[in-house]
Amino acid sequence: MGESEPAAAVGLRIRAVRKAQRMTIESLAEASGLTKSFLSKVERGRSTASVAALLRVSEALGIPLSNLFETTATRSVIRAGEYPAISFGGHAISEYLLTPQSERRIQVLLSKIAPGGGSGSEPYPLPGEVEFVFVVDGLLEVHFADGIVSLESGDALTFDPASPRAFLVPHSAPKTTVLWMICPALPHTAAKR
């Protein structure tokens, strides 16, 4: 591998994360204290950034420095029963991440919610452009400021993740399985569910 190839790969990762976060190169320059010209050259692989500069960029992007060096496979398979368990809070809920943690374009979660379980009564917003919910099995109530949306098996809901919401499975409903898709993926610090 040539000397410029690793620099180009790091630059491409910086650009991909910046764009996924809808951040302009000007905003990244301001947040990192580096010049727009320098960042542009780094993103295009025409300049190599020092460790100190990469630390400033990763901090401005809100990601670990190691994310700039990770190689992401072009495909990822997670076999049934091998989903990593995660927790965004709530009660009587088991949650699993179906996309790699390094994936920034989309985040897909599988939730198994017991009767009476959910996110809690306090509505919360999330960062992002779009959120999609699909009820695989059972019944889910999504509470918004302007009303409740009841979803049954096979129903889907798409909404702006900035809309505060809370969700729950009624006590009278069976255990419910839900798929959540959020674009772009949540920063690790923003997850609340």
Protein backbone atom coordinates (compact mmCIF):
# COMPACT_ATOMS: atom_id res chain seq x y z
CA MET A 1 0.00 0.00 0.00
CA GLY A 2 1.44 3.39 -0.98
CA GLU A 3 2.10 6.07 1.59
CA SER A 4 -0.77 8.24 0.33
CA GLU A 5 -3.38 5.44 0.46
CA PRO A 6 -3.75 5.40 4.28
CA ALA A 7 -3.99 9.21 4.30
CA ALA A 8 -6.65 9.06 1.59
CA ALA A 9 -8.61 6.45 3.57
CA VAL A 10 -8.52 8.62 6.72
CA GLY A 11 -9.59 11.63 4.66
CA LEU A 12 -12.50 9.70 3.16
CA ARG A 13 -13.62 8.62 6.65
CA ILE A 14 -13.47 12.22 7.90
CA ARG A 15 -15.57 13.36 4.94
CA ALA A 16 -18.08 10.50 5.39
CA VAL A 17 -18.59 11.22 9.10
CA ARG A 18 -18.80 14.98 8.50
CA LYS A 19 -21.43 14.53 5.76
CA ALA A 20 -23.40 11.97 7.80
CA GLN A 21 -23.60 14.59 10.54
CA ARG A 22 -24.68 17.23 7.98
CA MET A 23 -21.65 19.32 8.96
CA THR A 24 -20.07 21.64 6.43
CA ILE A 25 -16.33 21.76 6.01
CA GLU A 26 -16.52 25.35 7.28
CA SER A 27 -18.23 24.17 10.48
CA LEU A 28 -15.63 21.45 10.97
CA ALA A 29 -12.85 23.99 10.44
CA GLU A 30 -14.36 26.30 13.04
CA ALA A 31 -14.99 23.51 15.56
CA SER A 32 -11.52 21.98 15.16
CA GLY A 33 -9.51 25.19 14.85
CA LEU A 34 -8.02 23.95 11.56
CA THR A 35 -8.29 25.75 8.23
CA LYS A 36 -10.89 24.87 5.64
CA SER A 37 -8.13 24.55 3.02
CA PHE A 38 -6.15 22.08 5.14
CA LEU A 39 -9.24 19.98 5.93
CA SER A 40 -10.19 19.90 2.26
CA LYS A 41 -6.72 18.61 1.35
CA VAL A 42 -6.89 15.97 4.10
CA GLU A 43 -10.34 14.81 2.96
CA ARG A 44 -9.05 14.46 -0.61
CA GLY A 45 -5.91 12.59 0.50
CA ARG A 46 -3.64 15.40 -0.72
CA SER A 47 -2.28 16.18 2.74
CA THR A 48 -1.50 14.10 5.80
CA ALA A 49 -2.81 15.27 9.16
CA SER A 50 -0.75 15.01 12.32
CA VAL A 51 -2.02 13.05 15.30
CA ALA A 52 -2.77 16.36 17.04
CA ALA A 53 -4.83 17.54 14.05
CA LEU A 54 -6.70 14.21 13.87
CA LEU A 55 -7.46 14.46 17.59
CA ARG A 56 -8.97 17.92 17.01
CA VAL A 57 -11.01 16.62 14.07
CA SER A 58 -12.31 13.58 15.96
CA GLU A 59 -13.25 15.76 18.93
CA ALA A 60 -15.06 18.23 16.65
CA LEU A 61 -16.93 15.32 15.04
CA GLY A 62 -17.74 13.77 18.43
CA ILE A 63 -16.20 10.41 17.58
CA PRO A 64 -13.31 8.38 19.00
CA LEU A 65 -10.01 8.90 17.17
CA SER A 66 -9.93 5.16 16.41
CA ASN A 67 -13.02 5.56 14.18
CA LEU A 68 -10.86 7.42 11.68
CA PHE A 69 -8.65 4.35 11.26
CA GLU A 70 -11.24 1.56 11.33
CA THR A 71 -11.87 -0.21 8.11
CA THR A 72 -15.50 -0.99 7.54
CA ALA A 73 -16.48 -4.05 5.60
CA THR A 74 -18.63 -3.46 2.56
CA ARG A 75 -21.08 -5.95 4.02
CA SER A 76 -21.85 -7.14 7.50
CA VAL A 77 -23.73 -10.25 8.55
CA ILE A 78 -25.02 -10.70 12.09
CA ARG A 79 -26.50 -14.16 12.51
CA ALA A 80 -29.77 -14.83 14.34
CA GLY A 81 -29.18 -15.03 18.06
CA GLU A 82 -25.83 -13.22 17.80
CA TYR A 83 -27.16 -9.66 17.92
CA PRO A 84 -25.25 -7.54 20.44
CA ALA A 85 -27.52 -6.51 23.32
CA ILE A 86 -27.68 -2.79 24.04
CA SER A 87 -29.68 -0.66 26.44
CA PHE A 88 -31.15 2.77 25.89
CA GLY A 89 -33.09 2.71 29.15
CA GLY A 90 -36.80 2.13 29.58
CA HIS A 91 -38.26 -0.87 31.34
CA ALA A 92 -39.28 -4.46 30.45
CA ILE A 93 -37.44 -4.14 27.14
CA SER A 94 -34.60 -6.09 25.52
CA GLU A 95 -32.81 -4.29 22.70
CA TYR A 96 -30.35 -5.47 20.08
CA LEU A 97 -28.21 -3.63 17.55
CA LEU A 98 -28.60 -5.12 14.06
CA THR A 99 -26.10 -2.84 12.30
CA PRO A 100 -22.38 -2.57 13.05
CA GLN A 101 -21.48 0.05 15.67
CA SER A 102 -19.23 1.69 13.10
CA GLU A 103 -22.15 2.22 10.68
CA ARG A 104 -23.01 5.92 10.60
CA ARG A 105 -25.58 6.09 7.76
CA ILE A 106 -28.30 4.05 9.43
CA GLN A 107 -28.93 2.36 12.75
CA VAL A 108 -31.30 -0.60 12.98
CA LEU A 109 -32.47 -1.86 16.36
CA LEU A 110 -34.63 -4.81 17.35
CA SER A 111 -36.69 -4.39 20.52
CA LYS A 112 -38.60 -7.08 22.38
CA ILE A 113 -40.97 -5.38 24.79
CA ALA A 114 -42.98 -7.12 27.51
CA PRO A 115 -46.58 -6.04 28.28
CA GLY A 116 -46.43 -2.76 30.23
CA GLY A 117 -42.87 -2.09 29.03
CA GLY A 118 -41.56 0.85 27.07
CA SER A 119 -39.42 3.96 27.08
CA GLY A 120 -40.96 5.52 30.18
CA SER A 121 -43.50 8.32 30.41
CA GLU A 122 -41.18 11.25 29.60
CA PRO A 123 -41.22 12.04 25.85
CA TYR A 124 -37.78 12.47 24.28
CA PRO A 125 -36.45 13.69 20.91
CA LEU A 126 -33.52 12.20 19.00
CA PRO A 127 -31.12 13.78 16.51
CA GLY A 128 -31.43 12.64 12.92
CA GLU A 129 -33.36 13.08 9.71
CA VAL A 130 -35.86 10.25 9.74
CA GLU A 131 -36.99 7.47 12.06
CA PHE A 132 -38.90 4.40 10.93
CA VAL A 133 -40.73 1.94 13.21
CA PHE A 134 -42.09 -1.44 12.11
CA VAL A 135 -44.09 -3.69 14.44
CA VAL A 136 -43.09 -7.27 13.65
CA ASP A 137 -45.43 -8.78 16.25
CA GLY A 138 -47.74 -7.38 18.90
CA LEU A 139 -49.00 -3.87 19.65
CA LEU A 140 -47.06 -0.64 20.23
CA GLU A 141 -48.35 2.78 21.26
CA VAL A 142 -46.23 5.78 20.30
CA HIS A 143 -47.16 8.90 22.28
CA PHE A 144 -46.55 12.28 20.61
CA ALA A 145 -47.51 15.75 21.89
CA ASP A 146 -50.51 15.79 19.51
CA GLY A 147 -51.78 12.26 20.14
CA ILE A 148 -51.15 8.53 20.30
CA VAL A 149 -50.40 6.33 17.30
CA SER A 150 -51.32 2.66 17.86
CA LEU A 151 -49.40 0.20 15.72
CA GLU A 152 -50.27 -3.49 15.30
CA SER A 153 -48.35 -6.36 13.67
CA GLY A 154 -47.28 -5.32 10.17
CA ASP A 155 -47.86 -1.59 10.75
CA ALA A 156 -45.14 0.97 10.03
CA LEU A 157 -44.60 4.57 11.12
CA THR A 158 -42.16 7.13 9.71
CA PHE A 159 -41.56 10.43 11.52
CA ASP A 160 -39.09 13.18 12.33
CA PRO A 161 -36.92 11.92 15.21
CA ALA A 162 -36.78 15.46 16.64
CA SER A 163 -40.49 15.04 17.56
CA PRO A 164 -40.60 14.18 21.28
CA ARG A 165 -42.18 10.77 21.79
CA ALA A 166 -42.56 7.97 24.29
CA PHE A 167 -43.56 4.42 23.48
CA LEU A 168 -45.14 1.56 25.37
CA VAL A 169 -46.79 -1.81 25.01
CA PRO A 170 -50.18 -1.82 26.77
CA HIS A 171 -50.53 -4.24 29.72
CA SER A 172 -53.26 -6.12 27.81
CA ALA A 173 -51.08 -6.63 24.71
CA PRO A 174 -48.78 -9.58 24.01
CA LYS A 175 -44.99 -9.34 24.04
CA THR A 176 -44.13 -7.05 21.13
CA THR A 177 -41.24 -7.15 18.66
CA VAL A 178 -40.30 -3.89 16.93
CA LEU A 179 -37.71 -2.83 14.34
CA TRP A 180 -36.41 0.75 14.61
CA MET A 181 -34.43 2.44 11.84
CA ILE A 182 -32.79 5.81 12.39
CA CYS A 183 -30.94 7.81 9.72
CA PRO A 184 -28.24 8.81 10.14
CA ALA A 185 -27.16 6.55 13.01
CA LEU A 186 -27.30 8.05 16.48
CA PRO A 187 -24.06 9.29 17.97
CA HIS A 188 -23.29 6.93 20.86
CA THR A 189 -23.89 9.75 23.35
CA ALA A 190 -27.35 10.66 21.96
CA ALA A 191 -29.06 7.32 22.45
CA LYS A 192 -31.77 7.47 25.10
CA ARG A 193 -34.34 4.78 24.45
